[in-house]
Amino acid sequence: GSLRLSCAASGETFSRLCMGWFRQAPGKEREAVAVIH
């Protein structure tokens, strides 16, 4: 199946940000999933 996650940013010029999604399962390290400039 499918899901869509959203992340709304505020407080900074949006174009100057690097943003990413990380995930962490129990007992595991937090890992990068995707990053966008």
Full PDB file with SEQRES, HELIX, SHEET, SSBOND, CRYST1, ORIGX, SCALE, CONECT and MASTER records, all heavy atoms in Angstrom:
SEQRES   1 A   37  GLY SER LEU ARG LEU SER CYS ALA ALA SER GLY GLU THR          
SEQRES   2 A   37  PHE SER ARG LEU CYS MET GLY TRP PHE ARG GLN ALA PRO          
SEQRES   3 A   37  GLY LYS GLU ARG GLU ALA VAL ALA VAL ILE HIS                  
HELIX    1 AA1 PHE A   14  ARG A   16  5                                   3    
SHEET    1 AA1 2 MET A  19  ARG A  23  0                                        
SHEET    2 AA1 2 GLU A  31  ILE A  36 -1                                        
CRYST1    1.000    1.000    1.000  90.00  90.00  90.00 P 1           1          
ORIGX1      1.000000  0.000000  0.000000        0.00000                         
ORIGX2      0.000000  1.000000  0.000000        0.00000                         
ORIGX3      0.000000  0.000000  1.000000        0.00000                         
SCALE1      1.000000  0.000000  0.000000        0.00000                         
SCALE2      0.000000  1.000000  0.000000        0.00000                         
SCALE3      0.000000  0.000000  1.000000        0.00000                         
ATOM      1  N   GLY A   1       0.799  -1.207   0.000  1.00  0.00           N  
ATOM      2  CA  GLY A   1       0.000   0.000   0.000  1.00  0.00           C  
ATOM      3  C   GLY A   1       0.833   1.258   0.000  1.00  0.00           C  
ATOM      4  O   GLY A   1       2.058   1.223  -0.155  1.00  0.00           O  
ATOM      5  N   SER A   2       0.161   2.397   0.200  1.00  0.00           N  
ATOM      6  CA  SER A   2       0.815   3.700   0.113  1.00  0.00           C  
ATOM      7  C   SER A   2       0.394   4.618   1.248  1.00  0.00           C  
ATOM      8  O   SER A   2      -0.716   4.520   1.780  1.00  0.00           O  
ATOM      9  CB  SER A   2       0.458   4.392  -1.209  1.00  0.00           C  
ATOM     10  OG  SER A   2       0.898   3.646  -2.322  1.00  0.00           O  
ATOM     11  N   LEU A   3       1.294   5.508   1.610  1.00  0.00           N  
ATOM     12  CA  LEU A   3       1.024   6.608   2.519  1.00  0.00           C  
ATOM     13  C   LEU A   3       1.780   7.832   2.019  1.00  0.00           C  
ATOM     14  O   LEU A   3       2.793   7.696   1.323  1.00  0.00           O  
ATOM     15  CB  LEU A   3       1.481   6.297   3.946  1.00  0.00           C  
ATOM     16  CG  LEU A   3       0.691   5.286   4.771  1.00  0.00           C  
ATOM     17  CD1 LEU A   3       1.432   5.005   6.077  1.00  0.00           C  
ATOM     18  CD2 LEU A   3      -0.708   5.799   5.060  1.00  0.00           C  
ATOM     19  N   ARG A   4       1.300   9.014   2.385  1.00  0.00           N  
ATOM     20  CA  ARG A   4       2.029  10.236   2.090  1.00  0.00           C  
ATOM     21  C   ARG A   4       2.228  11.036   3.362  1.00  0.00           C  
ATOM     22  O   ARG A   4       1.261  11.392   4.038  1.00  0.00           O  
ATOM     23  CB  ARG A   4       1.301  11.102   1.055  1.00  0.00           C  
ATOM     24  CG  ARG A   4       2.152  12.284   0.585  1.00  0.00           C  
ATOM     25  CD  ARG A   4       1.454  13.162  -0.426  1.00  0.00           C  
ATOM     26  NE  ARG A   4       0.440  14.001   0.184  1.00  0.00           N  
ATOM     27  CZ  ARG A   4      -0.067  15.093  -0.370  1.00  0.00           C  
ATOM     28  NH1 ARG A   4       0.349  15.474  -1.577  1.00  0.00           N  
ATOM     29  NH2 ARG A   4      -1.001  15.777   0.257  1.00  0.00           N  
ATOM     30  N   LEU A   5       3.482  11.331   3.675  1.00  0.00           N  
ATOM     31  CA  LEU A   5       3.825  12.143   4.824  1.00  0.00           C  
ATOM     32  C   LEU A   5       4.019  13.589   4.390  1.00  0.00           C  
ATOM     33  O   LEU A   5       4.519  13.860   3.297  1.00  0.00           O  
ATOM     34  CB  LEU A   5       5.110  11.643   5.488  1.00  0.00           C  
ATOM     35  CG  LEU A   5       5.141  10.180   5.931  1.00  0.00           C  
ATOM     36  CD1 LEU A   5       6.468   9.882   6.628  1.00  0.00           C  
ATOM     37  CD2 LEU A   5       3.966   9.862   6.835  1.00  0.00           C  
ATOM     38  N   SER A   6       3.638  14.519   5.262  1.00  0.00           N  
ATOM     39  CA  SER A   6       3.802  15.939   5.000  1.00  0.00           C  
ATOM     40  C   SER A   6       4.569  16.587   6.134  1.00  0.00           C  
ATOM     41  O   SER A   6       4.421  16.200   7.293  1.00  0.00           O  
ATOM     42  CB  SER A   6       2.440  16.638   4.871  1.00  0.00           C  
ATOM     43  OG  SER A   6       1.683  16.097   3.815  1.00  0.00           O  
ATOM     44  N   CYS A   7       5.373  17.583   5.808  1.00  0.00           N  
ATOM     45  CA  CYS A   7       6.111  18.343   6.808  1.00  0.00           C  
ATOM     46  C   CYS A   7       6.084  19.808   6.416  1.00  0.00           C  
ATOM     47  O   CYS A   7       6.731  20.201   5.438  1.00  0.00           O  
ATOM     48  CB  CYS A   7       7.549  17.839   6.922  1.00  0.00           C  
ATOM     49  SG  CYS A   7       8.541  18.720   8.146  1.00  0.00           S  
ATOM     50  N   ALA A   8       5.343  20.607   7.161  1.00  0.00           N  
ATOM     51  CA  ALA A   8       5.242  22.037   6.906  1.00  0.00           C  
ATOM     52  C   ALA A   8       6.285  22.778   7.727  1.00  0.00           C  
ATOM     53  O   ALA A   8       6.375  22.585   8.940  1.00  0.00           O  
ATOM     54  CB  ALA A   8       3.844  22.538   7.245  1.00  0.00           C  
ATOM     55  N   ALA A   9       7.061  23.629   7.068  1.00  0.00           N  
ATOM     56  CA  ALA A   9       8.141  24.366   7.716  1.00  0.00           C  
ATOM     57  C   ALA A   9       7.782  25.840   7.837  1.00  0.00           C  
ATOM     58  O   ALA A   9       7.152  26.419   6.954  1.00  0.00           O  
ATOM     59  CB  ALA A   9       9.435  24.215   6.924  1.00  0.00           C  
ATOM     60  N   SER A  10       8.222  26.446   8.930  1.00  0.00           N  
ATOM     61  CA  SER A  10       8.027  27.872   9.129  1.00  0.00           C  
ATOM     62  C   SER A  10       9.191  28.433   9.935  1.00  0.00           C  
ATOM     63  O   SER A  10       9.951  27.689  10.555  1.00  0.00           O  
ATOM     64  CB  SER A  10       6.701  28.162   9.838  1.00  0.00           C  
ATOM     65  OG  SER A  10       6.673  27.557  11.120  1.00  0.00           O  
ATOM     66  N   GLY A  11       9.338  29.753   9.915  1.00  0.00           N  
ATOM     67  CA  GLY A  11      10.356  30.410  10.718  1.00  0.00           C  
ATOM     68  C   GLY A  11      11.675  30.663  10.012  1.00  0.00           C  
ATOM     69  O   GLY A  11      12.596  31.211  10.633  1.00  0.00           O  
ATOM     70  N   GLU A  12      11.783  30.294   8.762  1.00  0.00           N  
ATOM     71  CA  GLU A  12      13.009  30.484   8.005  1.00  0.00           C  
ATOM     72  C   GLU A  12      12.676  30.560   6.528  1.00  0.00           C  
ATOM     73  O   GLU A  12      11.646  30.019   6.094  1.00  0.00           O  
ATOM     74  CB  GLU A  12      13.992  29.346   8.294  1.00  0.00           C  
ATOM     75  CG  GLU A  12      15.338  29.444   7.561  1.00  0.00           C  
ATOM     76  CD  GLU A  12      16.055  30.747   7.822  1.00  0.00           C  
ATOM     77  OE1 GLU A  12      16.770  30.852   8.852  1.00  0.00           O  
ATOM     78  OE2 GLU A  12      15.909  31.680   6.997  1.00  0.00           O  
ATOM     79  N   THR A  13      13.545  31.226   5.767  1.00  0.00           N  
ATOM     80  CA  THR A  13      13.369  31.267   4.325  1.00  0.00           C  
ATOM     81  C   THR A  13      13.424  29.842   3.782  1.00  0.00           C  
ATOM     82  O   THR A  13      14.431  29.153   3.923  1.00  0.00           O  
ATOM     83  CB  THR A  13      14.447  32.131   3.669  1.00  0.00           C  
ATOM     84  OG1 THR A  13      14.399  33.448   4.224  1.00  0.00           O  
ATOM     85  CG2 THR A  13      14.230  32.209   2.167  1.00  0.00           C  
ATOM     86  N   PHE A  14      12.338  29.423   3.172  1.00  0.00           N  
ATOM     87  CA  PHE A  14      12.188  28.029   2.777  1.00  0.00           C  
ATOM     88  C   PHE A  14      13.303  27.574   1.838  1.00  0.00           C  
ATOM     89  O   PHE A  14      13.837  26.469   1.988  1.00  0.00           O  
ATOM     90  CB  PHE A  14      10.817  27.838   2.131  1.00  0.00           C  
ATOM     91  CG  PHE A  14      10.414  26.415   1.911  1.00  0.00           C  
ATOM     92  CD1 PHE A  14      10.440  25.495   2.937  1.00  0.00           C  
ATOM     93  CD2 PHE A  14       9.992  26.001   0.658  1.00  0.00           C  
ATOM     94  CE1 PHE A  14      10.052  24.180   2.737  1.00  0.00           C  
ATOM     95  CE2 PHE A  14       9.592  24.690   0.444  1.00  0.00           C  
ATOM     96  CZ  PHE A  14       9.622  23.780   1.479  1.00  0.00           C  
ATOM     97  N   SER A  15      13.676  28.430   0.893  1.00  0.00           N  
ATOM     98  CA  SER A  15      14.666  28.048  -0.113  1.00  0.00           C  
ATOM     99  C   SER A  15      16.059  27.846   0.463  1.00  0.00           C  
ATOM    100  O   SER A  15      16.918  27.277  -0.215  1.00  0.00           O  
ATOM    101  CB  SER A  15      14.715  29.086  -1.233  1.00  0.00           C  
ATOM    102  OG  SER A  15      15.112  30.352  -0.734  1.00  0.00           O  
ATOM    103  N   ARG A  16      16.295  28.287   1.683  1.00  0.00           N  
ATOM    104  CA  ARG A  16      17.604  28.139   2.308  1.00  0.00           C  
ATOM    105  C   ARG A  16      17.720  26.870   3.140  1.00  0.00           C  
ATOM    106  O   ARG A  16      18.746  26.648   3.775  1.00  0.00           O  
ATOM    107  CB  ARG A  16      17.914  29.353   3.185  1.00  0.00           C  
ATOM    108  CG  ARG A  16      18.082  30.639   2.391  1.00  0.00           C  
ATOM    109  CD  ARG A  16      18.357  31.822   3.281  1.00  0.00           C  
ATOM    110  NE  ARG A  16      18.550  33.048   2.518  1.00  0.00           N  
ATOM    111  CZ  ARG A  16      18.688  34.248   3.045  1.00  0.00           C  
ATOM    112  NH1 ARG A  16      18.663  34.404   4.361  1.00  0.00           N  
ATOM    113  NH2 ARG A  16      18.852  35.305   2.258  1.00  0.00           N  
ATOM    114  N   LEU A  17      16.701  26.058   3.125  1.00  0.00           N  
ATOM    115  CA  LEU A  17      16.676  24.858   3.952  1.00  0.00           C  
ATOM    116  C   LEU A  17      17.114  23.612   3.203  1.00  0.00           C  
ATOM    117  O   LEU A  17      16.915  23.482   1.995  1.00  0.00           O  
ATOM    118  CB  LEU A  17      15.271  24.626   4.504  1.00  0.00           C  
ATOM    119  CG  LEU A  17      14.740  25.640   5.511  1.00  0.00           C  
ATOM    120  CD1 LEU A  17      13.322  25.262   5.896  1.00  0.00           C  
ATOM    121  CD2 LEU A  17      15.631  25.705   6.739  1.00  0.00           C  
ATOM    122  N   CYS A  18      17.705  22.717   3.957  1.00  0.00           N  
ATOM    123  CA  CYS A  18      17.852  21.334   3.576  1.00  0.00           C  
ATOM    124  C   CYS A  18      16.900  20.543   4.471  1.00  0.00           C  
ATOM    125  O   CYS A  18      16.903  20.725   5.689  1.00  0.00           O  
ATOM    126  CB  CYS A  18      19.290  20.868   3.796  1.00  0.00           C  
ATOM    127  SG  CYS A  18      19.614  19.149   3.366  1.00  0.00           S  
ATOM    128  N   MET A  19      16.087  19.699   3.886  1.00  0.00           N  
ATOM    129  CA  MET A  19      15.112  18.954   4.675  1.00  0.00           C  
ATOM    130  C   MET A  19      15.165  17.481   4.325  1.00  0.00           C  
ATOM    131  O   MET A  19      15.469  17.110   3.184  1.00  0.00           O  
ATOM    132  CB  MET A  19      13.699  19.498   4.451  1.00  0.00           C  
ATOM    133  CG  MET A  19      13.533  20.930   4.929  1.00  0.00           C  
ATOM    134  SD  MET A  19      11.846  21.580   4.762  1.00  0.00           S  
ATOM    135  CE  MET A  19      10.947  20.499   5.886  1.00  0.00           C  
ATOM    136  N   GLY A  20      14.857  16.667   5.316  1.00  0.00           N  
ATOM    137  CA  GLY A  20      14.904  15.237   5.092  1.00  0.00           C  
ATOM    138  C   GLY A  20      13.927  14.486   5.968  1.00  0.00           C  
ATOM    139  O   GLY A  20      13.370  15.025   6.925  1.00  0.00           O  
ATOM    140  N   TRP A  21      13.722  13.252   5.598  1.00  0.00           N  
ATOM    141  CA  TRP A  21      12.935  12.317   6.398  1.00  0.00           C  
ATOM    142  C   TRP A  21      13.854  11.234   6.926  1.00  0.00           C  
ATOM    143  O   TRP A  21      14.639  10.642   6.165  1.00  0.00           O  
ATOM    144  CB  TRP A  21      11.805  11.688   5.573  1.00  0.00           C  
ATOM    145  CG  TRP A  21      10.686  12.625   5.290  1.00  0.00           C  
ATOM    146  CD1 TRP A  21      10.490  13.357   4.168  1.00  0.00           C  
ATOM    147  CD2 TRP A  21       9.580  12.918   6.153  1.00  0.00           C  
ATOM    148  NE1 TRP A  21       9.340  14.096   4.268  1.00  0.00           N  
ATOM    149  CE2 TRP A  21       8.762  13.847   5.477  1.00  0.00           C  
ATOM    150  CE3 TRP A  21       9.210  12.488   7.422  1.00  0.00           C  
ATOM    151  CZ2 TRP A  21       7.593  14.354   6.037  1.00  0.00           C  
ATOM    152  CZ3 TRP A  21       8.047  12.990   7.979  1.00  0.00           C  
ATOM    153  CH2 TRP A  21       7.258  13.915   7.288  1.00  0.00           C  
ATOM    154  N   PHE A  22      13.762  10.990   8.219  1.00  0.00           N  
ATOM    155  CA  PHE A  22      14.488   9.927   8.887  1.00  0.00           C  
ATOM    156  C   PHE A  22      13.492   8.951   9.490  1.00  0.00           C  
ATOM    157  O   PHE A  22      12.343   9.297   9.729  1.00  0.00           O  
ATOM    158  CB  PHE A  22      15.385  10.488   9.995  1.00  0.00           C  
ATOM    159  CG  PHE A  22      16.582  11.248   9.498  1.00  0.00           C  
ATOM    160  CD1 PHE A  22      16.444  12.506   8.940  1.00  0.00           C  
ATOM    161  CD2 PHE A  22      17.852  10.706   9.596  1.00  0.00           C  
ATOM    162  CE1 PHE A  22      17.538  13.217   8.487  1.00  0.00           C  
ATOM    163  CE2 PHE A  22      18.967  11.403   9.152  1.00  0.00           C  
ATOM    164  CZ  PHE A  22      18.809  12.653   8.594  1.00  0.00           C  
ATOM    165  N   ARG A  23      13.937   7.747   9.766  1.00  0.00           N  
ATOM    166  CA  ARG A  23      13.078   6.794  10.447  1.00  0.00           C  
ATOM    167  C   ARG A  23      13.882   5.996  11.460  1.00  0.00           C  
ATOM    168  O   ARG A  23      15.086   5.805  11.320  1.00  0.00           O  
ATOM    169  CB  ARG A  23      12.382   5.854   9.462  1.00  0.00           C  
ATOM    170  CG  ARG A  23      13.305   4.897   8.727  1.00  0.00           C  
ATOM    171  CD  ARG A  23      12.514   4.134   7.675  1.00  0.00           C  
ATOM    172  NE  ARG A  23      13.339   3.171   6.951  1.00  0.00           N  
ATOM    173  CZ  ARG A  23      12.937   2.504   5.885  1.00  0.00           C  
ATOM    174  NH1 ARG A  23      11.700   2.690   5.402  1.00  0.00           N  
ATOM    175  NH2 ARG A  23      13.751   1.637   5.291  1.00  0.00           N  
ATOM    176  N   GLN A  24      13.191   5.538  12.489  1.00  0.00           N  
ATOM    177  CA  GLN A  24      13.827   4.764  13.539  1.00  0.00           C  
ATOM    178  C   GLN A  24      12.873   3.695  14.038  1.00  0.00           C  
ATOM    179  O   GLN A  24      11.783   4.001  14.513  1.00  0.00           O  
ATOM    180  CB  GLN A  24      14.260   5.666  14.696  1.00  0.00           C  
ATOM    181  CG  GLN A  24      15.071   4.952  15.757  1.00  0.00           C  
ATOM    182  CD  GLN A  24      15.723   5.915  16.721  1.00  0.00           C  
ATOM    183  OE1 GLN A  24      15.245   7.032  16.919  1.00  0.00           O  
ATOM    184  NE2 GLN A  24      16.820   5.495  17.328  1.00  0.00           N  
ATOM    185  N   ALA A  25      13.294   2.456  13.913  1.00  0.00           N  
ATOM    186  CA  ALA A  25      12.550   1.328  14.446  1.00  0.00           C  
ATOM    187  C   ALA A  25      13.110   0.978  15.817  1.00  0.00           C  
ATOM    188  O   ALA A  25      14.271   1.280  16.116  1.00  0.00           O  
ATOM    189  CB  ALA A  25      12.653   0.135  13.505  1.00  0.00           C  
ATOM    190  N   PRO A  26      12.313   0.338  16.672  1.00  0.00           N  
ATOM    191  CA  PRO A  26      12.797  -0.026  18.005  1.00  0.00           C  
ATOM    192  C   PRO A  26      14.089  -0.830  17.946  1.00  0.00           C  
ATOM    193  O   PRO A  26      14.202  -1.787  17.183  1.00  0.00           O  
ATOM    194  CB  PRO A  26      11.654  -0.861  18.575  1.00  0.00           C  
ATOM    195  CG  PRO A  26      10.441  -0.347  17.879  1.00  0.00           C  
ATOM    196  CD  PRO A  26      10.910  -0.047  16.479  1.00  0.00           C  
ATOM    197  N   GLY A  27      15.082  -0.420  18.730  1.00  0.00           N  
ATOM    198  CA  GLY A  27      16.347  -1.121  18.785  1.00  0.00           C  
ATOM    199  C   GLY A  27      17.281  -0.854  17.628  1.00  0.00           C  
ATOM    200  O   GLY A  27      18.349  -1.472  17.555  1.00  0.00           O  
ATOM    201  N   LYS A  28      16.920   0.049  16.735  1.00  0.00           N  
ATOM    202  CA  LYS A  28      17.744   0.335  15.575  1.00  0.00           C  
ATOM    203  C   LYS A  28      18.160   1.803  15.553  1.00  0.00           C  
ATOM    204  O   LYS A  28      17.565   2.648  16.213  1.00  0.00           O  
ATOM    205  CB  LYS A  28      17.002  -0.011  14.286  1.00  0.00           C  
ATOM    206  CG  LYS A  28      16.623  -1.476  14.170  1.00  0.00           C  
ATOM    207  CD  LYS A  28      15.905  -1.772  12.871  1.00  0.00           C  
ATOM    208  CE  LYS A  28      16.822  -1.623  11.673  1.00  0.00           C  
ATOM    209  NZ  LYS A  28      16.131  -1.997  10.405  1.00  0.00           N  
ATOM    210  N   GLU A  29      19.196   2.095  14.781  1.00  0.00           N  
ATOM    211  CA  GLU A  29      19.669   3.462  14.620  1.00  0.00           C  
ATOM    212  C   GLU A  29      18.685   4.274  13.783  1.00  0.00           C  
ATOM    213  O   GLU A  29      17.984   3.735  12.920  1.00  0.00           O  
ATOM    214  CB  GLU A  29      21.037   3.474  13.942  1.00  0.00           C  
ATOM    215  CG  GLU A  29      22.139   2.765  14.702  1.00  0.00           C  
ATOM    216  CD  GLU A  29      22.683   3.591  15.839  1.00  0.00           C  
ATOM    217  OE1 GLU A  29      22.401   4.801  15.884  1.00  0.00           O  
ATOM    218  OE2 GLU A  29      23.396   3.034  16.687  1.00  0.00           O  
ATOM    219  N   ARG A  30      18.653   5.572  14.048  1.00  0.00           N  
ATOM    220  CA  ARG A  30      17.875   6.461  13.202  1.00  0.00           C  
ATOM    221  C   ARG A  30      18.600   6.604  11.862  1.00  0.00           C  
ATOM    222  O   ARG A  30      19.798   6.889  11.826  1.00  0.00           O  
ATOM    223  CB  ARG A  30      17.711   7.826  13.864  1.00  0.00           C  
ATOM    224  CG  ARG A  30      16.779   8.755  13.119  1.00  0.00           C  
ATOM    225  CD  ARG A  30      16.472  10.014  13.917  1.00  0.00           C  
ATOM    226  NE  ARG A  30      15.787   9.711  15.165  1.00  0.00           N  
ATOM    227  CZ  ARG A  30      15.280  10.634  15.967  1.00  0.00           C  
ATOM    228  NH1 ARG A  30      15.362  11.919  15.662  1.00  0.00           N  
ATOM    229  NH2 ARG A  30      14.677  10.261  17.093  1.00  0.00           N  
ATOM    230  N   GLU A  31      17.888   6.402  10.768  1.00  0.00           N  
ATOM    231  CA  GLU A  31      18.504   6.405   9.455  1.00  0.00           C  
ATOM    232  C   GLU A  31      17.809   7.361   8.510  1.00  0.00           C  
ATOM    233  O   GLU A  31      16.592   7.560   8.584  1.00  0.00           O  
ATOM    234  CB  GLU A  31      18.491   4.992   8.848  1.00  0.00           C  
ATOM    235  CG  GLU A  31      17.100   4.446   8.604  1.00  0.00           C  
ATOM    236  CD  GLU A  31      17.101   3.104   7.893  1.00  0.00           C  
ATOM    237  OE1 GLU A  31      18.179   2.667   7.433  1.00  0.00           O  
ATOM    238  OE2 GLU A  31      16.023   2.487   7.797  1.00  0.00           O  
ATOM    239  N   ALA A  32      18.599   7.944   7.621  1.00  0.00           N  
ATOM    240  CA  ALA A  32      18.057   8.822   6.600  1.00  0.00           C  
ATOM    241  C   ALA A  32      17.305   8.006   5.561  1.00  0.00           C  
ATOM    242  O   ALA A  32      17.784   6.975   5.095  1.00  0.00           O  
ATOM    243  CB  ALA A  32      19.166   9.618   5.929  1.00  0.00           C  
ATOM    244  N   VAL A  33      16.129   8.481   5.202  1.00  0.00           N  
ATOM    245  CA  VAL A  33      15.315   7.854   4.170  1.00  0.00           C  
ATOM    246  C   VAL A  33      15.412   8.641   2.867  1.00  0.00           C  
ATOM    247  O   VAL A  33      15.652   8.075   1.797  1.00  0.00           O  
ATOM    248  CB  VAL A  33      13.852   7.738   4.617  1.00  0.00           C  
ATOM    249  CG1 VAL A  33      13.001   7.129   3.509  1.00  0.00           C  
ATOM    250  CG2 VAL A  33      13.747   6.919   5.893  1.00  0.00           C  
ATOM    251  N   ALA A  34      15.215   9.942   2.959  1.00  0.00           N  
ATOM    252  CA  ALA A  34      15.267  10.810   1.791  1.00  0.00           C  
ATOM    253  C   ALA A  34      15.622  12.216   2.234  1.00  0.00           C  
ATOM    254  O   ALA A  34      15.246  12.645   3.322  1.00  0.00           O  
ATOM    255  CB  ALA A  34      13.932  10.810   1.044  1.00  0.00           C  
ATOM    256  N   VAL A  35      16.338  12.936   1.377  1.00  0.00           N  
ATOM    257  CA  VAL A  35      16.752  14.308   1.650  1.00  0.00           C  
ATOM    258  C   VAL A  35      16.469  15.143   0.410  1.00  0.00           C  
ATOM    259  O   VAL A  35      16.624  14.661  -0.719  1.00  0.00           O  
ATOM    260  CB  VAL A  35      18.252  14.383   2.008  1.00  0.00           C  
ATOM    261  CG1 VAL A  35      18.699  15.837   2.184  1.00  0.00           C  
ATOM    262  CG2 VAL A  35      18.547  13.583   3.269  1.00  0.00           C  
ATOM    263  N   ILE A  36      16.077  16.397   0.619  1.00  0.00           N  
ATOM    264  CA  ILE A  36      15.853  17.297  -0.503  1.00  0.00           C  
ATOM    265  C   ILE A  36      16.480  18.655  -0.231  1.00  0.00           C  
ATOM    266  O   ILE A  36      16.319  19.219   0.856  1.00  0.00           O  
ATOM    267  CB  ILE A  36      14.348  17.431  -0.838  1.00  0.00           C  
ATOM    268  CG1 ILE A  36      14.147  18.294  -2.086  1.00  0.00           C  
ATOM    269  CG2 ILE A  36      13.557  17.980   0.345  1.00  0.00           C  
ATOM    270  CD1 ILE A  36      12.751  18.185  -2.669  1.00  0.00           C  
ATOM    271  N   HIS A  37      17.229  19.160  -1.200  1.00  0.00           N  
ATOM    272  CA  HIS A  37      17.735  20.521  -1.178  1.00  0.00           C  
ATOM    273  C   HIS A  37      16.630  21.397  -1.751  1.00  0.00           C  
ATOM    274  O   HIS A  37      16.315  21.317  -2.945  1.00  0.00           O  
ATOM    275  CB  HIS A  37      19.014  20.610  -2.019  1.00  0.00           C  
ATOM    276  CG  HIS A  37      19.625  21.972  -2.085  1.00  0.00           C  
ATOM    277  ND1 HIS A  37      19.599  22.749  -3.219  1.00  0.00           N  
ATOM    278  CD2 HIS A  37      20.293  22.700  -1.151  1.00  0.00           C  
ATOM    279  CE1 HIS A  37      20.210  23.891  -2.988  1.00  0.00           C  
ATOM    280  NE2 HIS A  37      20.642  23.879  -1.735  1.00  0.00           N  
TER     281      HIS A  37                                                      
MASTER        0    0    0    1    2    0    0    6  280    1    0    3          
END                                                                             
